Amino acid sequence: MITLHFVKYQALGNDYLVFETDELGDRLTPALVRQICDRHFGVGSDGVLVRVSKPGELHAVRIFNPDGSEAEKSGNGLRIFARYLWDKGIVETDSFRMQTGGGLVACRVMEDGRIVEVEMGRVSFDSADISVSGPKREVLREKLVVAGQTLEFSAATIGNPHCVILQNEISEAEVRVLGPLIETHPIFPNRTNVQFIEVLDRQHIRLEIWERGAGFTLASGSSSCAAAAVAHRLGLVDAEISVSMPGGEVSVEVGEDYQMRLIGPVARIFAGEFQPDR
């Protein structure tokens, strides 16, 4: 029987299991990821993080959605992975860098691991960078018809794609209905993450999130950054804001040229063994 060791963490209710690639070997398939993440037939999580052994000091992570697909970047996942490296003593300092499918990021572990900061990289609104069909352009305040409704959206990428929909009021019910339709809309060839955003004031926004490959989620770090960047680009918020989601709140800072910083809590839940019998 195969025994795979993991550690489970959560960041604002966004939970991930961390595995070591040396132990997984070639066993990690989309089917196994789906089994691991299933909350009834597996361990249960919003995704899987796998530490990839690299020569030298660079730390690398692969990020998998619960449907088995691989994600380029996840703000909460990266903050969790940074805490894991720090907990295990794999890193010797509080500040370090890691390689993701969406590029290099810098991390800092604070308050004895309870708070983690990640330099998420630069947000782009360019259609070619995001992968939005049509002519090359900045994708801001465009129209999208979904389920007979005409929505105004803006798109962005921070290493993974996002569709940001600004509304006066947002609800979980609406994102559960429209989220999967927007995720797979033909205008987004690689699918997309979806955020419904409500601007509360110049320093505070609220989100409901449909995550690509995961569905409705309590919180998302990359979604927080993308939504904050869009709101700032549209002149609706300041450069430092709080982002509220069903799972809690993070701080986002919009830097020069839309370099994004994400700060929020991370908690270790438990360590365990997964023994798939098929």
Protein backbone atom coordinates (compact mmCIF):
# COMPACT_ATOMS: atom_id res chain seq x y z
CA MET A 1 0.00 0.00 0.00
CA ILE A 2 1.27 3.48 -0.91
CA THR A 3 1.65 5.91 1.98
CA LEU A 4 1.96 9.61 1.14
CA HIS A 5 2.73 12.11 3.90
CA PHE A 6 1.22 15.58 3.86
CA VAL A 7 0.71 18.69 5.97
CA LYS A 8 -2.56 20.61 5.82
CA TYR A 9 -2.78 24.40 6.17
CA GLN A 10 -5.50 26.97 5.69
CA ALA A 11 -5.42 30.65 4.79
CA LEU A 12 -8.80 32.33 5.35
CA GLY A 13 -10.51 28.97 4.92
CA ASN A 14 -8.67 28.30 1.66
CA ASP A 15 -7.09 24.93 2.54
CA TYR A 16 -4.18 23.17 0.85
CA LEU A 17 -2.29 19.92 1.35
CA VAL A 18 1.51 20.07 0.95
CA PHE A 19 3.38 17.04 -0.39
CA GLU A 20 7.01 16.36 -1.27
CA THR A 21 7.72 15.49 -4.91
CA ASP A 22 10.48 13.07 -3.91
CA GLU A 23 7.88 10.93 -2.17
CA LEU A 24 5.21 11.26 -4.86
CA GLY A 25 7.53 10.32 -7.72
CA ASP A 26 5.49 9.71 -10.87
CA ARG A 27 2.32 8.84 -8.94
CA LEU A 28 0.84 12.34 -9.11
CA THR A 29 -1.84 12.23 -11.79
CA PRO A 30 -4.95 14.39 -12.23
CA ALA A 31 -7.01 11.44 -10.99
CA LEU A 32 -4.95 11.16 -7.80
CA VAL A 33 -5.22 14.91 -7.19
CA ARG A 34 -9.00 14.71 -7.56
CA GLN A 35 -9.12 11.79 -5.12
CA ILE A 36 -6.92 13.56 -2.57
CA CYS A 37 -8.97 16.78 -2.70
CA ASP A 38 -12.38 15.08 -2.56
CA ARG A 39 -13.99 15.95 0.79
CA HIS A 40 -15.94 12.68 0.92
CA PHE A 41 -13.60 10.11 -0.67
CA GLY A 42 -10.23 11.72 0.08
CA VAL A 43 -8.56 14.03 2.57
CA GLY A 44 -10.38 17.12 1.34
CA SER A 45 -8.84 20.42 0.25
CA ASP A 46 -9.02 23.33 -2.18
CA GLY A 47 -5.82 22.15 -3.81
CA VAL A 48 -2.48 20.40 -3.59
CA LEU A 49 0.96 21.99 -3.27
CA VAL A 50 4.00 19.93 -4.21
CA ARG A 51 7.52 20.97 -3.22
CA VAL A 52 9.87 20.40 -6.13
CA SER A 53 13.50 19.72 -5.27
CA LYS A 54 15.82 22.15 -7.05
CA PRO A 55 19.59 22.51 -6.90
CA GLY A 56 20.88 25.52 -5.02
CA GLU A 57 18.77 27.80 -2.84
CA LEU A 58 15.74 28.29 -5.11
CA HIS A 59 12.56 26.69 -3.81
CA ALA A 60 9.90 25.60 -6.29
CA VAL A 61 6.25 24.62 -5.97
CA ARG A 62 3.64 23.09 -8.27
CA ILE A 63 0.04 24.02 -7.58
CA PHE A 64 -2.88 21.75 -8.44
CA ASN A 65 -6.59 22.57 -8.44
CA PRO A 66 -9.07 20.03 -7.05
CA ASP A 67 -10.16 19.11 -10.59
CA GLY A 68 -6.61 17.88 -11.27
CA SER A 69 -5.55 20.82 -13.44
CA GLU A 70 -2.35 22.72 -12.66
CA ALA A 71 -2.45 26.40 -11.68
CA GLU A 72 0.25 28.93 -12.44
CA LYS A 73 -0.06 30.85 -9.20
CA SER A 74 -2.13 31.05 -6.00
CA GLY A 75 -1.68 33.81 -3.45
CA ASN A 76 -3.01 31.80 -0.53
CA GLY A 77 -1.27 28.66 -1.77
CA LEU A 78 2.05 30.49 -1.94
CA ARG A 79 1.61 31.95 1.52
CA ILE A 80 0.85 28.45 2.81
CA PHE A 81 3.87 27.00 1.01
CA ALA A 82 6.11 29.71 2.46
CA ARG A 83 4.85 28.85 5.96
CA TYR A 84 5.50 25.14 5.25
CA LEU A 85 9.11 25.81 4.20
CA TRP A 86 9.61 27.90 7.33
CA ASP A 87 7.95 25.34 9.64
CA LYS A 88 10.08 22.50 8.27
CA GLY A 89 13.32 24.46 8.59
CA ILE A 90 13.90 24.16 4.83
CA VAL A 91 14.56 27.90 4.78
CA GLU A 92 16.90 29.49 7.30
CA THR A 93 15.66 33.08 7.01
CA ASP A 94 12.27 34.77 7.23
CA SER A 95 12.60 36.18 3.70
CA PHE A 96 13.20 34.06 0.61
CA ARG A 97 12.15 33.51 -3.00
CA MET A 98 10.32 30.66 -4.70
CA GLN A 99 9.65 29.56 -8.27
CA THR A 100 6.05 29.09 -9.43
CA GLY A 101 4.44 28.29 -12.75
CA GLY A 102 3.60 32.01 -12.93
CA GLY A 103 7.13 33.25 -12.19
CA LEU A 104 9.39 34.06 -9.25
CA VAL A 105 7.88 35.45 -6.04
CA ALA A 106 9.44 36.81 -2.85
CA CYS A 107 8.03 35.80 0.55
CA ARG A 108 8.39 36.93 4.15
CA VAL A 109 7.19 34.98 7.20
CA MET A 110 6.19 37.14 10.16
CA GLU A 111 4.75 36.83 13.68
CA ASP A 112 6.07 33.32 14.27
CA GLY A 113 4.48 32.09 11.04
CA ARG A 114 1.00 33.44 11.69
CA ILE A 115 1.30 36.17 9.02
CA VAL A 116 2.91 35.70 5.61
CA GLU A 117 3.64 38.35 2.99
CA VAL A 118 4.16 37.54 -0.69
CA GLU A 119 5.38 39.82 -3.46
CA MET A 120 2.97 38.48 -6.08
CA GLY A 121 4.50 40.10 -9.16
CA ARG A 122 3.09 42.49 -11.73
CA VAL A 123 -0.52 42.67 -12.84
CA SER A 124 -1.11 43.16 -16.56
CA PHE A 125 -4.37 44.19 -18.19
CA ASP A 126 -3.12 43.29 -21.67
CA SER A 127 -5.31 40.81 -23.54
CA ALA A 128 -2.31 38.94 -24.95
CA ASP A 129 -0.80 38.46 -21.49
CA ILE A 130 -4.11 37.33 -19.95
CA SER A 131 -5.29 35.29 -22.92
CA VAL A 132 -8.50 37.09 -23.87
CA SER A 133 -9.73 36.62 -27.42
CA GLY A 134 -9.98 39.52 -29.87
CA PRO A 135 -7.54 42.30 -30.78
CA LYS A 136 -4.62 43.16 -28.52
CA ARG A 137 -5.80 45.71 -25.95
CA GLU A 138 -6.18 46.57 -22.30
CA VAL A 139 -9.28 44.70 -21.18
CA LEU A 140 -11.11 47.30 -19.11
CA ARG A 141 -14.86 47.96 -18.80
CA GLU A 142 -15.91 45.62 -21.58
CA LYS A 143 -19.26 43.86 -22.03
CA LEU A 144 -19.88 40.15 -21.58
CA VAL A 145 -23.20 38.40 -22.17
CA VAL A 146 -23.77 35.44 -19.83
CA ALA A 147 -27.07 33.61 -19.24
CA GLY A 148 -28.96 36.43 -20.93
CA GLN A 149 -27.32 39.08 -18.74
CA THR A 150 -24.96 41.79 -19.96
CA LEU A 151 -22.11 42.24 -17.47
CA GLU A 152 -19.34 44.81 -17.41
CA PHE A 153 -15.96 43.18 -16.80
CA SER A 154 -12.26 43.91 -16.73
CA ALA A 155 -9.56 41.27 -17.07
CA ALA A 156 -6.10 40.95 -15.59
CA THR A 157 -3.29 38.49 -15.05
CA ILE A 158 -0.83 38.12 -12.20
CA GLY A 159 0.57 34.92 -13.65
CA ASN A 160 -2.92 33.43 -13.85
CA PRO A 161 -6.04 34.89 -15.55
CA HIS A 162 -8.83 36.82 -13.83
CA CYS A 163 -12.18 38.28 -14.85
CA VAL A 164 -13.30 41.06 -12.49
CA ILE A 165 -16.95 42.10 -12.46
CA LEU A 166 -17.81 45.30 -10.63
CA GLN A 167 -21.27 45.50 -9.03
CA ASN A 168 -23.11 47.63 -6.49
CA GLU A 169 -24.01 44.53 -4.47
CA ILE A 170 -22.58 41.03 -4.69
CA SER A 171 -23.83 37.65 -3.47
CA GLU A 172 -22.64 34.07 -3.17
CA ALA A 173 -25.77 32.87 -4.97
CA GLU A 174 -24.98 34.94 -8.06
CA VAL A 175 -21.35 33.87 -8.29
CA ARG A 176 -22.38 30.21 -7.95
CA VAL A 177 -24.71 30.59 -10.94
CA LEU A 178 -22.62 32.83 -13.20
CA GLY A 179 -19.11 31.85 -12.09
CA PRO A 180 -18.89 28.51 -13.97
CA LEU A 181 -20.35 30.09 -17.11
CA ILE A 182 -17.81 32.92 -17.07
CA GLU A 183 -14.91 30.57 -16.22
CA THR A 184 -15.52 28.59 -19.42
CA HIS A 185 -16.70 31.45 -21.66
CA PRO A 186 -15.12 31.29 -25.15
CA ILE A 187 -13.56 34.74 -24.69
CA PHE A 188 -11.15 33.11 -22.20
CA PRO A 189 -9.27 30.36 -24.14
CA ASN A 190 -7.51 29.08 -21.00
CA ARG A 191 -10.55 29.53 -18.74
CA THR A 192 -10.42 32.17 -16.02
CA ASN A 193 -10.83 32.91 -12.34
CA VAL A 194 -13.87 35.09 -11.62
CA GLN A 195 -14.30 37.82 -9.01
CA PHE A 196 -17.48 39.75 -8.27
CA ILE A 197 -16.33 42.94 -6.57
CA GLU A 198 -18.12 45.52 -4.42
CA VAL A 199 -16.22 48.71 -3.60
CA LEU A 200 -17.08 49.75 -0.03
CA ASP A 201 -14.80 52.79 0.16
CA ARG A 202 -11.36 53.97 -1.01
CA GLN A 203 -9.57 51.48 1.27
CA HIS A 204 -11.93 48.51 1.30
CA ILE A 205 -13.43 46.11 -1.25
CA ARG A 206 -15.48 42.93 -0.87
CA LEU A 207 -15.26 39.85 -3.11
CA GLU A 208 -17.20 36.72 -3.97
CA ILE A 209 -14.99 34.31 -5.92
CA TRP A 210 -15.38 31.50 -8.42
CA GLU A 211 -11.96 29.89 -8.85
CA ARG A 212 -10.86 28.20 -12.05
CA GLY A 213 -10.68 24.48 -11.46
CA ALA A 214 -11.99 24.77 -7.88
CA GLY A 215 -15.39 26.46 -7.97
CA PHE A 216 -16.79 28.70 -5.24
CA THR A 217 -14.07 29.44 -2.69
CA LEU A 218 -13.96 31.24 0.63
CA ALA A 219 -10.84 33.24 -0.24
CA SER A 220 -8.19 33.68 -2.93
CA GLY A 221 -4.96 35.64 -2.74
CA SER A 222 -4.39 36.05 -6.47
CA SER A 223 -8.05 37.06 -6.88
CA SER A 224 -7.60 39.69 -4.17
CA CYS A 225 -4.60 41.11 -6.01
CA ALA A 226 -6.28 41.09 -9.41
CA ALA A 227 -9.48 42.70 -8.12
CA ALA A 228 -7.55 45.34 -6.17
CA ALA A 229 -5.42 46.13 -9.23
CA VAL A 230 -8.49 46.52 -11.46
CA ALA A 231 -10.27 48.74 -8.91
CA HIS A 232 -7.14 50.88 -8.59
CA ARG A 233 -6.68 51.06 -12.36
CA LEU A 234 -10.28 52.30 -12.67
CA GLY A 235 -9.62 54.98 -10.06
CA LEU A 236 -11.98 53.53 -7.47
CA VAL A 237 -9.56 52.71 -4.62
CA ASP A 238 -6.24 53.80 -3.16
CA ALA A 239 -2.98 51.85 -3.43
CA GLU A 240 -3.31 50.17 -0.01
CA ILE A 241 -6.60 48.41 0.63
CA SER A 242 -8.25 45.66 2.65
CA VAL A 243 -10.00 42.87 0.76
CA SER A 244 -12.87 41.12 2.54
CA MET A 245 -14.00 37.64 1.46
CA PRO A 246 -16.25 35.04 3.09
CA GLY A 247 -13.18 33.44 4.72
CA GLY A 248 -11.71 36.66 6.11
CA GLU A 249 -9.58 39.63 5.15
CA VAL A 250 -6.19 40.27 3.57
CA SER A 251 -4.19 43.42 2.87
CA VAL A 252 -3.14 44.26 -0.67
CA GLU A 253 -0.70 46.93 -1.76
CA VAL A 254 -0.56 48.17 -5.36
CA GLY A 255 3.00 49.20 -6.05
CA GLU A 256 4.76 50.96 -8.91
CA ASP A 257 3.80 49.53 -12.32
CA TYR A 258 1.18 47.37 -10.57
CA GLN A 259 3.63 45.25 -8.62
CA MET A 260 1.42 43.59 -6.00
CA ARG A 261 2.02 42.71 -2.35
CA LEU A 262 -0.31 40.38 -0.43
CA ILE A 263 -0.33 40.08 3.38
CA GLY A 264 -2.52 37.79 5.48
CA PRO A 265 -2.82 34.97 8.02
CA VAL A 266 -1.85 31.32 7.61
CA ALA A 267 -2.58 28.47 10.04
CA ARG A 268 -1.23 24.92 10.23
CA ILE A 269 -4.04 22.39 10.76
CA PHE A 270 -2.49 18.93 10.92
CA ALA A 271 -0.05 16.44 9.41
CA GLY A 272 -1.19 13.05 8.18
CA GLU A 273 -0.82 10.10 5.84
CA PHE A 274 -2.82 9.40 2.70
CA GLN A 275 -3.09 5.75 1.68
CA PRO A 276 -5.00 5.38 -1.58
CA ASP A 277 -6.18 1.79 -2.09
CA ARG A 278 -6.73 2.22 -5.79
